Amino acid sequence: MRSEREQSGSNGDRGGKSPSSQWVRYGQGVALVFEFTGTVGGGALLGYGLDRYFSTEPLFLICATLGAVVGGFVRLVHVLQRLDRRR
């Protein structure tokens, strides 16, 4: 026999959202932060390495970091649009 809570389909006073879905959303946000910072950090390291190899300091560092920032923002917008469509 089902309880009243199961029959009504409600989830208490949480507005129908389970605590696990909130944690999933927090996890997705944290993953986006790490992905963006990792992209920028990777671009900076790549630029630094190329500058050391070709002795062109700071040309590749600046270019690779700016490229990584642009790429990170593009990726961020795409992921946020995809998450928004899922709601």
N, C-alpha and C. Protein backbone atom coordinates (compact mmCIF):
# COMPACT_ATOMS: atom_id res chain seq x y z
N MET A 1 0.84 -1.18 0.00
CA MET A 1 0.00 0.00 0.00
C MET A 1 0.89 1.24 0.00
N ARG A 2 0.56 2.20 -0.86
CA ARG A 2 1.37 3.40 -0.98
C ARG A 2 0.97 4.44 0.06
N SER A 3 1.95 5.20 0.50
CA SER A 3 1.66 6.24 1.49
C SER A 3 1.04 7.45 0.79
N GLU A 4 0.53 8.39 1.58
CA GLU A 4 -0.08 9.59 1.02
C GLU A 4 0.95 10.40 0.24
N ARG A 5 2.16 10.43 0.72
CA ARG A 5 3.22 11.19 0.07
C ARG A 5 3.50 10.63 -1.32
N GLU A 6 3.55 9.32 -1.45
CA GLU A 6 3.79 8.69 -2.75
C GLU A 6 2.61 8.91 -3.69
N GLN A 7 1.39 8.86 -3.14
CA GLN A 7 0.20 9.02 -3.98
C GLN A 7 0.08 10.44 -4.51
N SER A 8 0.43 11.42 -3.69
CA SER A 8 0.30 12.81 -4.13
C SER A 8 1.43 13.20 -5.07
N GLY A 9 2.54 12.47 -5.03
CA GLY A 9 3.66 12.78 -5.90
C GLY A 9 4.47 13.96 -5.41
N SER A 10 4.14 14.46 -4.22
CA SER A 10 4.88 15.61 -3.72
C SER A 10 6.16 15.14 -3.05
N ASN A 11 7.01 16.10 -2.83
CA ASN A 11 8.30 15.80 -2.21
C ASN A 11 8.47 16.68 -0.98
N GLY A 12 7.46 16.71 -0.15
CA GLY A 12 7.52 17.55 1.04
C GLY A 12 7.39 19.01 0.66
N ASP A 13 8.14 19.86 1.33
CA ASP A 13 8.09 21.29 1.06
C ASP A 13 9.24 21.74 0.17
N ARG A 14 9.77 20.87 -0.65
CA ARG A 14 10.89 21.22 -1.52
C ARG A 14 10.45 21.64 -2.92
N GLY A 15 9.17 21.72 -3.16
CA GLY A 15 8.69 22.15 -4.46
C GLY A 15 8.88 21.10 -5.54
N GLY A 16 8.89 19.82 -5.18
CA GLY A 16 9.02 18.76 -6.17
C GLY A 16 10.45 18.43 -6.56
N LYS A 17 11.42 19.10 -6.00
CA LYS A 17 12.81 18.83 -6.35
C LYS A 17 13.44 17.94 -5.28
N SER A 18 14.05 16.88 -5.70
CA SER A 18 14.70 16.00 -4.74
C SER A 18 16.05 16.57 -4.37
N PRO A 19 16.53 16.26 -3.17
CA PRO A 19 17.85 16.75 -2.76
C PRO A 19 18.96 16.27 -3.68
N SER A 20 18.79 15.07 -4.24
CA SER A 20 19.84 14.56 -5.12
C SER A 20 19.94 15.38 -6.39
N SER A 21 18.81 15.90 -6.92
CA SER A 21 18.89 16.71 -8.13
C SER A 21 19.57 18.05 -7.85
N GLN A 22 19.43 18.56 -6.64
CA GLN A 22 20.14 19.79 -6.27
C GLN A 22 21.63 19.53 -6.23
N TRP A 23 22.04 18.41 -5.68
CA TRP A 23 23.47 18.07 -5.63
C TRP A 23 24.03 17.84 -7.02
N VAL A 24 23.23 17.28 -7.90
CA VAL A 24 23.67 17.08 -9.28
C VAL A 24 23.90 18.43 -9.94
N ARG A 25 23.01 19.37 -9.72
CA ARG A 25 23.19 20.71 -10.30
C ARG A 25 24.42 21.41 -9.73
N TYR A 26 24.65 21.28 -8.43
CA TYR A 26 25.85 21.85 -7.83
C TYR A 26 27.10 21.21 -8.44
N GLY A 27 27.06 19.91 -8.60
CA GLY A 27 28.18 19.20 -9.20
C GLY A 27 28.45 19.65 -10.63
N GLN A 28 27.39 19.89 -11.39
CA GLN A 28 27.56 20.37 -12.77
C GLN A 28 28.19 21.76 -12.77
N GLY A 29 27.79 22.59 -11.83
CA GLY A 29 28.37 23.93 -11.74
C GLY A 29 29.85 23.88 -11.39
N VAL A 30 30.19 23.03 -10.43
CA VAL A 30 31.59 22.89 -10.04
C VAL A 30 32.41 22.33 -11.21
N ALA A 31 31.83 21.38 -11.95
CA ALA A 31 32.53 20.81 -13.11
C ALA A 31 32.78 21.89 -14.16
N LEU A 32 31.82 22.79 -14.37
CA LEU A 32 32.02 23.88 -15.32
C LEU A 32 33.14 24.81 -14.89
N VAL A 33 33.21 25.09 -13.59
CA VAL A 33 34.28 25.96 -13.08
C VAL A 33 35.63 25.32 -13.32
N PHE A 34 35.76 24.04 -12.98
CA PHE A 34 37.04 23.36 -13.18
C PHE A 34 37.38 23.24 -14.65
N GLU A 35 36.39 23.01 -15.50
CA GLU A 35 36.66 22.90 -16.93
C GLU A 35 37.15 24.23 -17.49
N PHE A 36 36.51 25.33 -17.10
CA PHE A 36 36.92 26.63 -17.61
C PHE A 36 38.32 27.00 -17.12
N THR A 37 38.56 26.85 -15.83
CA THR A 37 39.88 27.21 -15.30
C THR A 37 40.96 26.27 -15.83
N GLY A 38 40.61 25.02 -16.03
CA GLY A 38 41.57 24.08 -16.60
C GLY A 38 41.93 24.43 -18.03
N THR A 39 40.94 24.89 -18.79
CA THR A 39 41.19 25.29 -20.17
C THR A 39 42.12 26.50 -20.22
N VAL A 40 41.86 27.48 -19.39
CA VAL A 40 42.70 28.68 -19.36
C VAL A 40 44.10 28.32 -18.86
N GLY A 41 44.17 27.52 -17.81
CA GLY A 41 45.48 27.10 -17.29
C GLY A 41 46.26 26.28 -18.29
N GLY A 42 45.57 25.40 -19.01
CA GLY A 42 46.23 24.60 -20.04
C GLY A 42 46.76 25.46 -21.16
N GLY A 43 45.99 26.46 -21.57
CA GLY A 43 46.45 27.39 -22.60
C GLY A 43 47.67 28.18 -22.16
N ALA A 44 47.65 28.60 -20.90
CA ALA A 44 48.80 29.34 -20.38
C ALA A 44 50.04 28.46 -20.32
N LEU A 45 49.89 27.23 -19.88
CA LEU A 45 51.04 26.32 -19.83
C LEU A 45 51.57 26.00 -21.23
N LEU A 46 50.67 25.81 -22.17
CA LEU A 46 51.08 25.56 -23.54
C LEU A 46 51.85 26.76 -24.10
N GLY A 47 51.32 27.94 -23.90
CA GLY A 47 52.00 29.16 -24.36
C GLY A 47 53.35 29.34 -23.70
N TYR A 48 53.43 29.08 -22.41
CA TYR A 48 54.70 29.19 -21.69
C TYR A 48 55.73 28.21 -22.26
N GLY A 49 55.29 26.98 -22.50
CA GLY A 49 56.20 25.98 -23.05
C GLY A 49 56.68 26.35 -24.45
N LEU A 50 55.78 26.84 -25.28
CA LEU A 50 56.17 27.26 -26.63
C LEU A 50 57.12 28.46 -26.58
N ASP A 51 56.87 29.38 -25.66
CA ASP A 51 57.77 30.52 -25.51
C ASP A 51 59.17 30.07 -25.08
N ARG A 52 59.24 29.13 -24.18
CA ARG A 52 60.56 28.63 -23.74
C ARG A 52 61.27 27.90 -24.88
N TYR A 53 60.52 27.15 -25.65
CA TYR A 53 61.12 26.38 -26.74
C TYR A 53 61.63 27.29 -27.86
N PHE A 54 60.82 28.29 -28.23
CA PHE A 54 61.18 29.17 -29.34
C PHE A 54 61.84 30.48 -28.90
N SER A 55 62.01 30.69 -27.60
CA SER A 55 62.59 31.92 -27.03
C SER A 55 61.87 33.17 -27.55
N THR A 56 60.56 33.15 -27.44
CA THR A 56 59.73 34.28 -27.92
C THR A 56 58.88 34.87 -26.80
N GLU A 57 59.40 34.86 -25.59
CA GLU A 57 58.60 35.31 -24.45
C GLU A 57 58.07 36.71 -24.67
N PRO A 58 56.91 37.04 -24.36
CA PRO A 58 55.68 36.39 -23.92
C PRO A 58 54.66 36.19 -25.04
N LEU A 59 55.10 36.13 -26.27
CA LEU A 59 54.20 36.07 -27.42
C LEU A 59 53.22 34.90 -27.35
N PHE A 60 53.70 33.67 -27.26
CA PHE A 60 52.82 32.50 -27.25
C PHE A 60 52.02 32.41 -25.96
N LEU A 61 52.59 32.87 -24.86
CA LEU A 61 51.85 32.86 -23.59
C LEU A 61 50.59 33.70 -23.70
N ILE A 62 50.72 34.89 -24.24
CA ILE A 62 49.57 35.78 -24.37
C ILE A 62 48.56 35.22 -25.37
N CYS A 63 49.05 34.79 -26.53
CA CYS A 63 48.15 34.28 -27.58
C CYS A 63 47.41 33.02 -27.13
N ALA A 64 48.13 32.08 -26.55
CA ALA A 64 47.50 30.83 -26.13
C ALA A 64 46.52 31.06 -24.97
N THR A 65 46.86 31.95 -24.06
CA THR A 65 45.96 32.24 -22.94
C THR A 65 44.69 32.92 -23.44
N LEU A 66 44.83 33.89 -24.32
CA LEU A 66 43.64 34.56 -24.87
C LEU A 66 42.79 33.57 -25.67
N GLY A 67 43.43 32.72 -26.45
CA GLY A 67 42.69 31.71 -27.20
C GLY A 67 41.96 30.75 -26.28
N ALA A 68 42.60 30.37 -25.18
CA ALA A 68 41.96 29.47 -24.22
C ALA A 68 40.79 30.15 -23.52
N VAL A 69 40.91 31.43 -23.22
CA VAL A 69 39.80 32.15 -22.59
C VAL A 69 38.60 32.20 -23.54
N VAL A 70 38.85 32.52 -24.80
CA VAL A 70 37.77 32.56 -25.78
C VAL A 70 37.14 31.17 -25.93
N GLY A 71 37.99 30.15 -26.07
CA GLY A 71 37.48 28.78 -26.19
C GLY A 71 36.72 28.34 -24.96
N GLY A 72 37.20 28.73 -23.79
CA GLY A 72 36.50 28.39 -22.55
C GLY A 72 35.13 29.03 -22.47
N PHE A 73 35.03 30.30 -22.88
CA PHE A 73 33.72 30.96 -22.87
C PHE A 73 32.76 30.35 -23.88
N VAL A 74 33.28 30.00 -25.06
CA VAL A 74 32.42 29.36 -26.06
C VAL A 74 31.89 28.04 -25.52
N ARG A 75 32.77 27.25 -24.93
CA ARG A 75 32.36 25.96 -24.36
C ARG A 75 31.36 26.18 -23.22
N LEU A 76 31.61 27.17 -22.38
CA LEU A 76 30.72 27.48 -21.27
C LEU A 76 29.32 27.82 -21.76
N VAL A 77 29.23 28.65 -22.79
CA VAL A 77 27.92 29.03 -23.34
C VAL A 77 27.20 27.81 -23.91
N HIS A 78 27.92 26.95 -24.63
CA HIS A 78 27.29 25.76 -25.21
C HIS A 78 26.76 24.83 -24.12
N VAL A 79 27.55 24.61 -23.09
CA VAL A 79 27.12 23.71 -22.01
C VAL A 79 25.93 24.30 -21.27
N LEU A 80 25.95 25.59 -20.99
CA LEU A 80 24.84 26.22 -20.28
C LEU A 80 23.56 26.19 -21.11
N GLN A 81 23.67 26.38 -22.42
CA GLN A 81 22.48 26.28 -23.27
C GLN A 81 21.92 24.86 -23.25
N ARG A 82 22.80 23.86 -23.29
CA ARG A 82 22.34 22.47 -23.25
C ARG A 82 21.67 22.16 -21.92
N LEU A 83 22.24 22.64 -20.82
CA LEU A 83 21.62 22.40 -19.51
C LEU A 83 20.28 23.12 -19.39
N ASP A 84 20.17 24.30 -19.98
CA ASP A 84 18.93 25.05 -19.93
C ASP A 84 17.82 24.34 -20.70
N ARG A 85 18.16 23.70 -21.81
CA ARG A 85 17.16 22.96 -22.59
C ARG A 85 16.65 21.74 -21.84
N ARG A 86 17.45 21.18 -20.96
CA ARG A 86 17.04 19.99 -20.21
C ARG A 86 16.00 20.31 -19.15
N ARG A 87 15.93 21.54 -18.71
CA ARG A 87 14.98 21.92 -17.66
C ARG A 87 13.63 21.94 -18.20
